[in-house]
Amino acid sequence: MPRSILSGSLSTPKVEVMVDMGNPLLNLTVDGFLKIGTVAVAKTAAEETYSVIKKGNISHHKFDQSLKKMCKEGAYWGTIAGVYVGLEYGAERIRGTRDWKNAMIGGALTGALISAASKNNRDKIVIDTITGGAVATAAEILSYLT
């Protein structure tokens, strides 16, 4: 049975956290989930803070709603990132090469899976598949430029 090890380091402005699940696919998937999930939580926290400042007060009920929304958004976007990273890694392993095409495959399959899981119609699933592949490919190509 694999052991879980959580380790981390903090240096400005980058935070690295590595979770060792005993399998590279699981490691990358959990890492993607945690990183993007954390970004989604931070985004939601910033939006909710702005809302509270704009209104000028906060109730216990609003605070609870904000926490629930942060958890929901973090889990949703973390799951999408985990699926994408896992599919991209799978494409890399199957194809035997590491290039932008893996990002395209991972993005397209993630777009299709998330859209189908959301019970969208066939046309919307095709559009989300194309969008997922295009966005992932563009992000990968941009990472080559920096």
Protein backbone atom coordinates (compact mmCIF):
# COMPACT_ATOMS: atom_id res chain seq x y z
CA MET A 1 0.00 0.00 0.00
CA PRO A 2 1.54 3.34 -1.00
CA ARG A 3 2.21 5.88 1.70
CA SER A 4 1.25 9.50 1.38
CA ILE A 5 3.96 12.01 2.12
CA LEU A 6 3.29 15.73 2.21
CA SER A 7 6.24 18.07 1.97
CA GLY A 8 6.56 21.68 0.99
CA SER A 9 8.81 24.68 0.76
CA LEU A 10 8.13 28.39 0.71
CA SER A 11 10.19 30.95 -1.14
CA THR A 12 8.95 34.18 -2.58
CA PRO A 13 6.90 34.29 -4.79
CA LYS A 14 6.66 30.56 -5.55
CA VAL A 15 5.14 27.87 -3.35
CA GLU A 16 5.99 24.26 -4.14
CA VAL A 17 4.10 21.39 -2.56
CA MET A 18 4.84 17.78 -3.45
CA VAL A 19 2.52 14.95 -2.50
CA ASP A 20 4.03 11.50 -3.00
CA MET A 21 1.29 8.96 -3.65
CA GLY A 22 3.69 6.30 -4.93
CA ASN A 23 2.64 6.65 -8.58
CA PRO A 24 3.62 9.43 -11.04
CA LEU A 25 0.07 9.66 -12.45
CA LEU A 26 -1.44 10.07 -8.99
CA ASN A 27 1.32 12.50 -7.96
CA LEU A 28 0.65 14.78 -10.94
CA THR A 29 -3.13 14.53 -10.60
CA VAL A 30 -3.12 15.41 -6.90
CA ASP A 31 -0.59 18.19 -7.52
CA GLY A 32 -2.81 19.72 -10.23
CA PHE A 33 -5.88 19.40 -8.01
CA LEU A 34 -4.18 21.13 -5.08
CA LYS A 35 -2.59 23.95 -7.08
CA ILE A 36 -5.60 24.93 -9.18
CA GLY A 37 -8.03 24.21 -6.34
CA THR A 38 -6.07 26.64 -4.18
CA VAL A 39 -6.19 29.29 -6.91
CA ALA A 40 -9.97 28.84 -7.19
CA VAL A 41 -10.38 29.17 -3.41
CA ALA A 42 -8.25 32.34 -3.39
CA LYS A 43 -10.24 33.81 -6.29
CA THR A 44 -13.53 33.10 -4.55
CA ALA A 45 -12.23 34.48 -1.26
CA ALA A 46 -11.22 37.71 -3.03
CA GLU A 47 -14.65 38.01 -4.68
CA GLU A 48 -16.47 37.38 -1.42
CA THR A 49 -14.25 39.85 0.44
CA TYR A 50 -15.03 42.50 -2.17
CA SER A 51 -18.74 41.75 -1.78
CA VAL A 52 -18.53 42.17 2.01
CA ILE A 53 -16.56 45.42 1.72
CA LYS A 54 -19.04 46.77 -0.80
CA LYS A 55 -22.00 45.98 1.50
CA GLY A 56 -20.19 47.16 4.60
CA ASN A 57 -21.15 44.27 6.86
CA ILE A 58 -21.10 40.50 7.13
CA SER A 59 -23.45 38.08 8.82
CA HIS A 60 -22.75 34.61 10.11
CA HIS A 61 -24.98 33.23 7.35
CA LYS A 62 -23.08 35.12 4.62
CA PHE A 63 -19.78 33.92 6.09
CA ASP A 64 -20.99 30.29 5.96
CA GLN A 65 -22.18 30.77 2.37
CA SER A 66 -18.79 32.20 1.43
CA LEU A 67 -16.93 29.24 2.92
CA LYS A 68 -19.21 26.77 1.13
CA LYS A 69 -18.71 28.62 -2.16
CA MET A 70 -14.92 28.58 -1.68
CA CYS A 71 -14.95 24.82 -1.07
CA LYS A 72 -17.25 24.18 -4.04
CA GLU A 73 -15.16 26.26 -6.45
CA GLY A 74 -11.89 24.78 -5.18
CA ALA A 75 -13.17 21.23 -5.59
CA TYR A 76 -14.66 21.93 -9.03
CA TRP A 77 -11.61 23.60 -10.58
CA GLY A 78 -9.23 21.29 -8.74
CA THR A 79 -11.04 18.29 -10.21
CA ILE A 80 -10.88 19.73 -13.71
CA ALA A 81 -7.15 20.38 -13.31
CA GLY A 82 -6.57 16.90 -11.92
CA VAL A 83 -8.41 15.30 -14.84
CA TYR A 84 -6.50 17.43 -17.35
CA VAL A 85 -3.08 16.71 -15.84
CA GLY A 86 -3.84 13.01 -15.61
CA LEU A 87 -5.02 12.81 -19.23
CA GLU A 88 -2.04 14.82 -20.47
CA TYR A 89 0.32 12.51 -18.60
CA GLY A 90 -1.52 9.48 -20.01
CA ALA A 91 -1.18 10.83 -23.54
CA GLU A 92 2.53 11.37 -22.95
CA ARG A 93 2.97 7.80 -21.72
CA ILE A 94 0.97 6.29 -24.59
CA ARG A 95 2.63 8.39 -27.30
CA GLY A 96 6.10 8.07 -25.79
CA THR A 97 6.94 11.73 -26.34
CA ARG A 98 6.49 15.00 -24.51
CA ASP A 99 5.16 17.81 -26.72
CA TRP A 100 2.25 20.20 -27.27
CA LYS A 101 0.10 17.44 -28.75
CA ASN A 102 -0.28 15.85 -25.31
CA ALA A 103 -1.72 19.13 -24.03
CA MET A 104 -4.12 19.23 -26.97
CA ILE A 105 -5.26 15.65 -26.32
CA GLY A 106 -5.56 16.20 -22.57
CA GLY A 107 -7.45 19.47 -23.00
CA ALA A 108 -9.84 18.08 -25.59
CA LEU A 109 -10.62 14.96 -23.54
CA THR A 110 -11.04 17.02 -20.38
CA GLY A 111 -13.42 19.41 -22.15
CA ALA A 112 -15.43 16.49 -23.46
CA LEU A 113 -15.57 14.67 -20.11
CA ILE A 114 -16.55 17.72 -18.07
CA SER A 115 -19.15 18.75 -20.64
CA ALA A 116 -20.63 15.25 -20.85
CA ALA A 117 -20.68 14.96 -17.04
CA SER A 118 -22.61 18.24 -16.97
CA LYS A 119 -25.27 16.58 -19.17
CA ASN A 120 -24.81 18.98 -22.06
CA ASN A 121 -26.13 18.20 -25.54
CA ARG A 122 -23.89 16.79 -28.26
CA ASP A 123 -23.16 20.14 -29.93
CA LYS A 124 -22.09 21.72 -26.62
CA ILE A 125 -19.84 18.72 -25.88
CA VAL A 126 -18.15 19.12 -29.28
CA ILE A 127 -17.67 22.86 -28.69
CA ASP A 128 -16.23 22.22 -25.21
CA THR A 129 -13.92 19.55 -26.64
CA ILE A 130 -12.56 21.99 -29.22
CA THR A 131 -12.26 24.77 -26.63
CA GLY A 132 -10.46 22.53 -24.14
CA GLY A 133 -7.98 21.38 -26.75
CA ALA A 134 -7.39 24.90 -28.05
CA VAL A 135 -6.88 26.48 -24.62
CA ALA A 136 -4.55 23.72 -23.44
CA THR A 137 -2.55 23.87 -26.67
CA ALA A 138 -2.25 27.66 -26.50
CA ALA A 139 -1.11 27.51 -22.87
CA GLU A 140 1.48 24.87 -23.71
CA ILE A 141 2.81 26.80 -26.69
CA LEU A 142 2.99 30.00 -24.61
CA SER A 143 5.03 28.13 -21.98
CA TYR A 144 7.62 27.38 -24.69
CA LEU A 145 7.99 31.12 -25.36
CA THR A 146 9.00 32.03 -21.82
